[in-house]
Amino acid sequence: MTFFNKIKWVLSILMVFVLIVTTNLIDRNNFIRVKDSVVTIYEDRLIAKDLIFEMSKAVQEKEVAVAASDTTFFNQYNNKVNDDIQSLISRFEQTKLTLDESKVFDNLKENFQKLKTLENVFKDSDFLAKTIWLLVLII
């Protein structure tokens, strides 16, 4: 083999090696992106659905307490339920939301503040405004 042929072989092998290394780096980057996408889907969709479910359960507790005129609930447990809902809202706020989801979420936060205000009015009125509450919960 001539010196020129040896150089061609070495350059060919070197090119194949560089091609393999480059392909591996690209594949590694793609795997990292896929992994990040799966984690994002898990955190921003599945966990968010669980948070929404927990919020709806807490609101349902409030609805049952109003329907049953349960003064014990409002005197003893309502503040804890409100804190739980606020905690769930804070956790939900950390997820990535679409534009429509953001609008609905802002509406939820406003309505939750209104609900807490109405609960205080209801509690201060010695639980006389049951019919008003039922209307508010239906809306």
N, C-alpha and C. Protein backbone atom coordinates (compact mmCIF):
# COMPACT_ATOMS: atom_id res chain seq x y z
N MET A 1 0.83 -1.18 0.00
CA MET A 1 0.00 0.00 0.00
C MET A 1 0.87 1.24 0.00
N THR A 2 0.46 2.15 -0.80
CA THR A 2 1.22 3.38 -0.87
C THR A 2 0.82 4.28 0.29
N PHE A 3 1.62 5.26 0.50
CA PHE A 3 1.37 6.21 1.58
C PHE A 3 0.05 6.94 1.36
N PHE A 4 -0.26 7.28 0.14
CA PHE A 4 -1.51 7.96 -0.19
C PHE A 4 -2.72 7.08 0.13
N ASN A 5 -2.67 5.81 -0.16
CA ASN A 5 -3.76 4.89 0.16
C ASN A 5 -3.94 4.75 1.67
N LYS A 6 -2.84 4.73 2.41
CA LYS A 6 -2.92 4.64 3.86
C LYS A 6 -3.63 5.88 4.43
N ILE A 7 -3.30 7.03 3.89
CA ILE A 7 -3.94 8.27 4.35
C ILE A 7 -5.43 8.23 4.03
N LYS A 8 -5.80 7.75 2.87
CA LYS A 8 -7.21 7.63 2.51
C LYS A 8 -7.94 6.70 3.47
N TRP A 9 -7.33 5.56 3.82
CA TRP A 9 -7.94 4.62 4.76
C TRP A 9 -8.10 5.24 6.15
N VAL A 10 -7.08 5.90 6.59
CA VAL A 10 -7.13 6.53 7.91
C VAL A 10 -8.21 7.63 7.93
N LEU A 11 -8.26 8.43 6.88
CA LEU A 11 -9.28 9.48 6.82
C LEU A 11 -10.68 8.89 6.72
N SER A 12 -10.82 7.81 6.00
CA SER A 12 -12.13 7.15 5.88
C SER A 12 -12.58 6.61 7.24
N ILE A 13 -11.70 5.95 7.92
CA ILE A 13 -12.03 5.41 9.25
C ILE A 13 -12.32 6.55 10.22
N LEU A 14 -11.55 7.60 10.14
CA LEU A 14 -11.76 8.76 10.99
C LEU A 14 -13.12 9.41 10.71
N MET A 15 -13.50 9.50 9.44
CA MET A 15 -14.81 10.05 9.07
C MET A 15 -15.94 9.18 9.61
N VAL A 16 -15.79 7.88 9.51
CA VAL A 16 -16.82 6.97 10.04
C VAL A 16 -16.91 7.14 11.56
N PHE A 17 -15.81 7.25 12.22
CA PHE A 17 -15.79 7.45 13.68
C PHE A 17 -16.49 8.77 14.05
N VAL A 18 -16.17 9.83 13.35
CA VAL A 18 -16.80 11.13 13.62
C VAL A 18 -18.30 11.06 13.35
N LEU A 19 -18.68 10.38 12.31
CA LEU A 19 -20.10 10.21 11.98
C LEU A 19 -20.83 9.45 13.09
N ILE A 20 -20.22 8.41 13.61
CA ILE A 20 -20.83 7.62 14.70
C ILE A 20 -20.96 8.48 15.96
N VAL A 21 -19.92 9.21 16.31
CA VAL A 21 -19.96 10.06 17.50
C VAL A 21 -21.03 11.14 17.35
N THR A 22 -21.10 11.75 16.19
CA THR A 22 -22.10 12.79 15.94
C THR A 22 -23.52 12.22 16.05
N THR A 23 -23.73 11.06 15.48
CA THR A 23 -25.04 10.41 15.54
C THR A 23 -25.41 10.10 17.00
N ASN A 24 -24.47 9.62 17.78
CA ASN A 24 -24.74 9.33 19.18
C ASN A 24 -25.10 10.59 19.96
N LEU A 25 -24.41 11.67 19.69
CA LEU A 25 -24.73 12.93 20.38
C LEU A 25 -26.13 13.43 20.02
N ILE A 26 -26.48 13.30 18.76
CA ILE A 26 -27.82 13.72 18.32
C ILE A 26 -28.88 12.83 18.99
N ASP A 27 -28.63 11.52 19.01
CA ASP A 27 -29.58 10.60 19.65
C ASP A 27 -29.72 10.89 21.14
N ARG A 28 -28.64 11.17 21.81
CA ARG A 28 -28.70 11.48 23.24
C ARG A 28 -29.55 12.73 23.47
N ASN A 29 -29.35 13.74 22.63
CA ASN A 29 -30.14 14.97 22.75
C ASN A 29 -31.62 14.69 22.53
N ASN A 30 -31.94 13.84 21.55
CA ASN A 30 -33.34 13.49 21.30
C ASN A 30 -33.94 12.73 22.48
N PHE A 31 -33.19 11.81 23.07
CA PHE A 31 -33.69 11.07 24.22
C PHE A 31 -33.93 12.01 25.42
N ILE A 32 -33.07 12.97 25.60
CA ILE A 32 -33.26 13.94 26.69
C ILE A 32 -34.52 14.76 26.45
N ARG A 33 -34.75 15.18 25.21
CA ARG A 33 -35.96 15.95 24.90
C ARG A 33 -37.22 15.13 25.10
N VAL A 34 -37.19 13.86 24.71
CA VAL A 34 -38.35 12.99 24.91
C VAL A 34 -38.61 12.79 26.40
N LYS A 35 -37.56 12.57 27.17
CA LYS A 35 -37.70 12.39 28.61
C LYS A 35 -38.31 13.63 29.24
N ASP A 36 -37.83 14.82 28.87
CA ASP A 36 -38.38 16.07 29.40
C ASP A 36 -39.84 16.24 29.01
N SER A 37 -40.19 15.83 27.81
CA SER A 37 -41.59 15.92 27.37
C SER A 37 -42.49 15.01 28.19
N VAL A 38 -42.03 13.82 28.47
CA VAL A 38 -42.82 12.88 29.27
C VAL A 38 -42.99 13.42 30.69
N VAL A 39 -41.94 13.96 31.26
CA VAL A 39 -42.02 14.54 32.61
C VAL A 39 -42.99 15.72 32.62
N THR A 40 -42.93 16.56 31.60
CA THR A 40 -43.83 17.70 31.51
C THR A 40 -45.27 17.26 31.38
N ILE A 41 -45.52 16.26 30.56
CA ILE A 41 -46.88 15.74 30.42
C ILE A 41 -47.38 15.22 31.76
N TYR A 42 -46.53 14.51 32.46
CA TYR A 42 -46.92 13.96 33.76
C TYR A 42 -47.23 15.08 34.74
N GLU A 43 -46.33 16.05 34.84
CA GLU A 43 -46.51 17.11 35.84
C GLU A 43 -47.64 18.06 35.48
N ASP A 44 -47.74 18.43 34.22
CA ASP A 44 -48.68 19.48 33.84
C ASP A 44 -50.06 18.96 33.46
N ARG A 45 -50.21 17.69 33.25
CA ARG A 45 -51.53 17.17 32.85
C ARG A 45 -52.08 16.21 33.89
N LEU A 46 -51.34 15.18 34.20
CA LEU A 46 -51.86 14.17 35.11
C LEU A 46 -51.96 14.69 36.55
N ILE A 47 -50.93 15.35 37.02
CA ILE A 47 -50.99 15.92 38.37
C ILE A 47 -52.03 17.01 38.43
N ALA A 48 -52.14 17.82 37.39
CA ALA A 48 -53.15 18.89 37.36
C ALA A 48 -54.56 18.31 37.45
N LYS A 49 -54.80 17.21 36.77
CA LYS A 49 -56.13 16.58 36.84
C LYS A 49 -56.41 16.09 38.26
N ASP A 50 -55.41 15.56 38.92
CA ASP A 50 -55.58 15.12 40.30
C ASP A 50 -55.89 16.31 41.22
N LEU A 51 -55.21 17.42 41.00
CA LEU A 51 -55.46 18.62 41.81
C LEU A 51 -56.88 19.13 41.60
N ILE A 52 -57.34 19.11 40.35
CA ILE A 52 -58.71 19.55 40.06
C ILE A 52 -59.71 18.63 40.75
N PHE A 53 -59.44 17.34 40.73
CA PHE A 53 -60.33 16.38 41.40
C PHE A 53 -60.38 16.65 42.90
N GLU A 54 -59.24 16.89 43.52
CA GLU A 54 -59.20 17.18 44.96
C GLU A 54 -59.94 18.47 45.28
N MET A 55 -59.80 19.49 44.43
CA MET A 55 -60.53 20.75 44.64
C MET A 55 -62.04 20.52 44.55
N SER A 56 -62.46 19.73 43.58
CA SER A 56 -63.89 19.50 43.41
C SER A 56 -64.46 18.72 44.60
N LYS A 57 -63.67 17.79 45.17
CA LYS A 57 -64.12 17.08 46.36
C LYS A 57 -64.29 18.04 47.54
N ALA A 58 -63.36 18.98 47.70
CA ALA A 58 -63.45 19.94 48.80
C ALA A 58 -64.66 20.85 48.62
N VAL A 59 -64.91 21.29 47.41
CA VAL A 59 -66.08 22.14 47.15
C VAL A 59 -67.36 21.35 47.39
N GLN A 60 -67.35 20.08 47.04
CA GLN A 60 -68.53 19.26 47.28
C GLN A 60 -68.81 19.12 48.78
N GLU A 61 -67.76 19.04 49.59
CA GLU A 61 -67.95 19.02 51.04
C GLU A 61 -68.70 20.27 51.49
N LYS A 62 -68.30 21.41 50.93
CA LYS A 62 -68.96 22.67 51.27
C LYS A 62 -70.43 22.64 50.84
N GLU A 63 -70.70 22.13 49.66
CA GLU A 63 -72.07 22.07 49.16
C GLU A 63 -72.94 21.21 50.08
N VAL A 64 -72.41 20.08 50.50
CA VAL A 64 -73.15 19.19 51.39
C VAL A 64 -73.40 19.88 52.73
N ALA A 65 -72.40 20.59 53.24
CA ALA A 65 -72.57 21.29 54.51
C ALA A 65 -73.64 22.36 54.42
N VAL A 66 -73.70 23.07 53.31
CA VAL A 66 -74.73 24.10 53.12
C VAL A 66 -76.09 23.46 52.99
N ALA A 67 -76.18 22.41 52.20
CA ALA A 67 -77.47 21.76 52.00
C ALA A 67 -78.01 21.16 53.30
N ALA A 68 -77.11 20.70 54.16
CA ALA A 68 -77.52 20.10 55.42
C ALA A 68 -77.58 21.12 56.55
N SER A 69 -77.28 22.37 56.25
CA SER A 69 -77.20 23.42 57.28
C SER A 69 -76.30 23.00 58.43
N ASP A 70 -75.15 22.48 58.06
CA ASP A 70 -74.19 21.94 59.03
C ASP A 70 -73.34 23.07 59.61
N THR A 71 -73.78 23.63 60.74
CA THR A 71 -73.04 24.73 61.36
C THR A 71 -71.72 24.25 61.94
N THR A 72 -71.65 22.99 62.32
CA THR A 72 -70.40 22.44 62.86
C THR A 72 -69.30 22.48 61.80
N PHE A 73 -69.66 22.17 60.58
CA PHE A 73 -68.67 22.21 59.50
C PHE A 73 -68.10 23.62 59.36
N PHE A 74 -68.97 24.61 59.32
CA PHE A 74 -68.49 25.98 59.11
C PHE A 74 -67.73 26.52 60.32
N ASN A 75 -68.09 26.06 61.51
CA ASN A 75 -67.39 26.53 62.70
C ASN A 75 -66.06 25.84 62.92
N GLN A 76 -65.94 24.57 62.51
CA GLN A 76 -64.74 23.81 62.84
C GLN A 76 -63.87 23.44 61.65
N TYR A 77 -64.48 23.06 60.53
CA TYR A 77 -63.71 22.48 59.43
C TYR A 77 -63.54 23.38 58.21
N ASN A 78 -64.37 24.39 58.10
CA ASN A 78 -64.35 25.20 56.88
C ASN A 78 -63.01 25.86 56.62
N ASN A 79 -62.38 26.39 57.68
CA ASN A 79 -61.08 27.04 57.49
C ASN A 79 -60.03 26.05 56.99
N LYS A 80 -60.07 24.82 57.49
CA LYS A 80 -59.12 23.81 57.02
C LYS A 80 -59.38 23.46 55.56
N VAL A 81 -60.64 23.33 55.20
CA VAL A 81 -60.98 23.03 53.81
C VAL A 81 -60.54 24.18 52.91
N ASN A 82 -60.75 25.42 53.35
CA ASN A 82 -60.29 26.58 52.57
C ASN A 82 -58.78 26.57 52.40
N ASP A 83 -58.06 26.24 53.48
CA ASP A 83 -56.60 26.16 53.38
C ASP A 83 -56.17 25.06 52.42
N ASP A 84 -56.88 23.93 52.46
CA ASP A 84 -56.56 22.84 51.53
C ASP A 84 -56.79 23.28 50.09
N ILE A 85 -57.90 23.94 49.84
CA ILE A 85 -58.20 24.41 48.48
C ILE A 85 -57.15 25.43 48.04
N GLN A 86 -56.78 26.34 48.94
CA GLN A 86 -55.76 27.35 48.60
C GLN A 86 -54.43 26.67 48.29
N SER A 87 -54.09 25.64 49.04
CA SER A 87 -52.86 24.89 48.77
C SER A 87 -52.92 24.21 47.40
N LEU A 88 -54.06 23.63 47.08
CA LEU A 88 -54.22 22.99 45.77
C LEU A 88 -54.14 24.02 44.64
N ILE A 89 -54.72 25.19 44.86
CA ILE A 89 -54.65 26.26 43.85
C ILE A 89 -53.20 26.69 43.65
N SER A 90 -52.46 26.81 44.74
CA SER A 90 -51.04 27.20 44.63
C SER A 90 -50.24 26.16 43.86
N ARG A 91 -50.50 24.89 44.12
CA ARG A 91 -49.80 23.83 43.39
C ARG A 91 -50.19 23.82 41.92
N PHE A 92 -51.47 24.06 41.65
CA PHE A 92 -51.96 24.08 40.27
C PHE A 92 -51.36 25.25 39.51
N GLU A 93 -51.13 26.35 40.21
CA GLU A 93 -50.58 27.56 39.59
C GLU A 93 -49.17 27.32 39.06
N GLN A 94 -48.47 26.34 39.61
CA GLN A 94 -47.09 26.06 39.21
C GLN A 94 -47.00 25.23 37.93
N THR A 95 -48.11 24.68 37.48
CA THR A 95 -48.08 23.90 36.24
C THR A 95 -48.15 24.84 35.04
N LYS A 96 -47.77 24.33 33.90
CA LYS A 96 -47.84 25.12 32.67
C LYS A 96 -49.26 25.04 32.13
N LEU A 97 -49.85 26.20 31.85
CA LEU A 97 -51.23 26.26 31.40
C LEU A 97 -51.30 26.86 30.00
N THR A 98 -52.29 26.42 29.24
CA THR A 98 -52.55 27.05 27.96
C THR A 98 -53.24 28.39 28.22
N LEU A 99 -53.44 29.17 27.18
CA LEU A 99 -54.07 30.48 27.32
C LEU A 99 -55.50 30.34 27.85
N ASP A 100 -56.25 29.41 27.30
CA ASP A 100 -57.63 29.19 27.76
C ASP A 100 -57.65 28.69 29.21
N GLU A 101 -56.75 27.79 29.53
CA GLU A 101 -56.67 27.29 30.90
C GLU A 101 -56.32 28.40 31.88
N SER A 102 -55.46 29.31 31.47
CA SER A 102 -55.09 30.43 32.33
C SER A 102 -56.28 31.31 32.63
N LYS A 103 -57.10 31.56 31.62
CA LYS A 103 -58.30 32.39 31.82
C LYS A 103 -59.26 31.71 32.80
N VAL A 104 -59.49 30.43 32.59
CA VAL A 104 -60.39 29.69 33.48
C VAL A 104 -59.81 29.63 34.89
N PHE A 105 -58.51 29.46 34.99
CA PHE A 105 -57.87 29.39 36.31
C PHE A 105 -57.97 30.73 37.04
N ASP A 106 -57.77 31.83 36.33
CA ASP A 106 -57.94 33.15 36.95
C ASP A 106 -59.37 33.33 37.44
N ASN A 107 -60.32 32.87 36.65
CA ASN A 107 -61.73 32.92 37.04
C ASN A 107 -61.96 32.09 38.32
N LEU A 108 -61.34 30.93 38.39
CA LEU A 108 -61.45 30.07 39.57
C LEU A 108 -60.92 30.78 40.81
N LYS A 109 -59.76 31.41 40.69
CA LYS A 109 -59.19 32.11 41.85
C LYS A 109 -60.09 33.24 42.32
N GLU A 110 -60.65 34.00 41.39
CA GLU A 110 -61.57 35.08 41.75
C GLU A 110 -62.81 34.52 42.44
N ASN A 111 -63.37 33.45 41.88
CA ASN A 111 -64.57 32.86 42.46
C ASN A 111 -64.30 32.26 43.84
N PHE A 112 -63.12 31.72 44.04
CA PHE A 112 -62.78 31.18 45.35
C PHE A 112 -62.71 32.30 46.40
N GLN A 113 -62.16 33.44 46.01
CA GLN A 113 -62.12 34.58 46.94
C GLN A 113 -63.54 35.05 47.27
N LYS A 114 -64.41 35.10 46.25
CA LYS A 114 -65.81 35.48 46.48
C LYS A 114 -66.49 34.48 47.40
N LEU A 115 -66.21 33.20 47.19
CA LEU A 115 -66.80 32.15 48.01
C LEU A 115 -66.40 32.32 49.47
N LYS A 116 -65.12 32.61 49.72
CA LYS A 116 -64.68 32.80 51.10
C LYS A 116 -65.38 34.00 51.74
N THR A 117 -65.56 35.07 50.96
CA THR A 117 -66.27 36.24 51.47
C THR A 117 -67.72 35.89 51.81
N LEU A 118 -68.37 35.18 50.90
CA LEU A 118 -69.76 34.78 51.15
C LEU A 118 -69.88 33.83 52.33
N GLU A 119 -68.89 32.98 52.52
CA GLU A 119 -68.91 32.09 53.67
C GLU A 119 -68.84 32.88 54.97
N ASN A 120 -68.01 33.91 54.98
CA ASN A 120 -67.93 34.74 56.18
C ASN A 120 -69.24 35.45 56.46
N VAL A 121 -69.88 35.95 55.40
CA VAL A 121 -71.19 36.59 55.56
C VAL A 121 -72.20 35.57 56.08
N PHE A 122 -72.18 34.39 55.53
CA PHE A 122 -73.08 33.32 55.94
C PHE A 122 -72.87 32.96 57.41
N LYS A 123 -71.61 32.86 57.79
CA LYS A 123 -71.27 32.51 59.18
C LYS A 123 -71.67 33.64 60.12
N ASP A 124 -71.43 34.89 59.72
CA ASP A 124 -71.76 36.04 60.56
C ASP A 124 -73.27 36.23 60.70
N SER A 125 -74.04 35.73 59.74
CA SER A 125 -75.49 35.89 59.79
C SER A 125 -76.14 34.74 60.58
N ASP A 126 -75.32 33.98 61.30
CA ASP A 126 -75.80 32.83 62.07
C ASP A 126 -76.51 31.82 61.17
N PHE A 127 -76.01 31.66 59.96
CA PHE A 127 -76.45 30.62 59.04
C PHE A 127 -77.91 30.79 58.60
N LEU A 128 -78.34 32.04 58.48
CA LEU A 128 -79.72 32.31 58.08
C LEU A 128 -79.87 32.39 56.57
N ALA A 129 -78.79 32.52 55.85
CA ALA A 129 -78.87 32.76 54.41
C ALA A 129 -78.72 31.49 53.60
N LYS A 130 -79.34 30.41 54.04
CA LYS A 130 -79.20 29.13 53.34
C LYS A 130 -79.66 29.21 51.89
N THR A 131 -80.75 29.87 51.64
CA THR A 131 -81.25 29.93 50.27
C THR A 131 -80.30 30.71 49.38
N ILE A 132 -79.69 31.76 49.91
CA ILE A 132 -78.71 32.52 49.13
C ILE A 132 -77.53 31.62 48.78
N TRP A 133 -77.08 30.84 49.74
CA TRP A 133 -75.97 29.94 49.51
C TRP A 133 -76.27 28.92 48.44
N LEU A 134 -77.44 28.37 48.51
CA LEU A 134 -77.80 27.37 47.50
C LEU A 134 -77.78 27.97 46.11
N LEU A 135 -78.25 29.22 46.00
CA LEU A 135 -78.21 29.89 44.70
C LEU A 135 -76.78 30.13 44.25
N VAL A 136 -75.91 30.52 45.18
CA VAL A 136 -74.52 30.81 44.84
C VAL A 136 -73.83 29.51 44.40
N LEU A 137 -74.09 28.42 45.08
CA LEU A 137 -73.44 27.16 44.72
C LEU A 137 -73.94 26.62 43.38
N ILE A 138 -75.18 26.90 43.08
CA ILE A 138 -75.71 26.46 41.78
C ILE A 138 -75.06 27.26 40.66
N ILE A 139 -74.85 28.53 40.89
CA ILE A 139 -74.24 29.39 39.87
C ILE A 139 -72.80 29.00 39.73
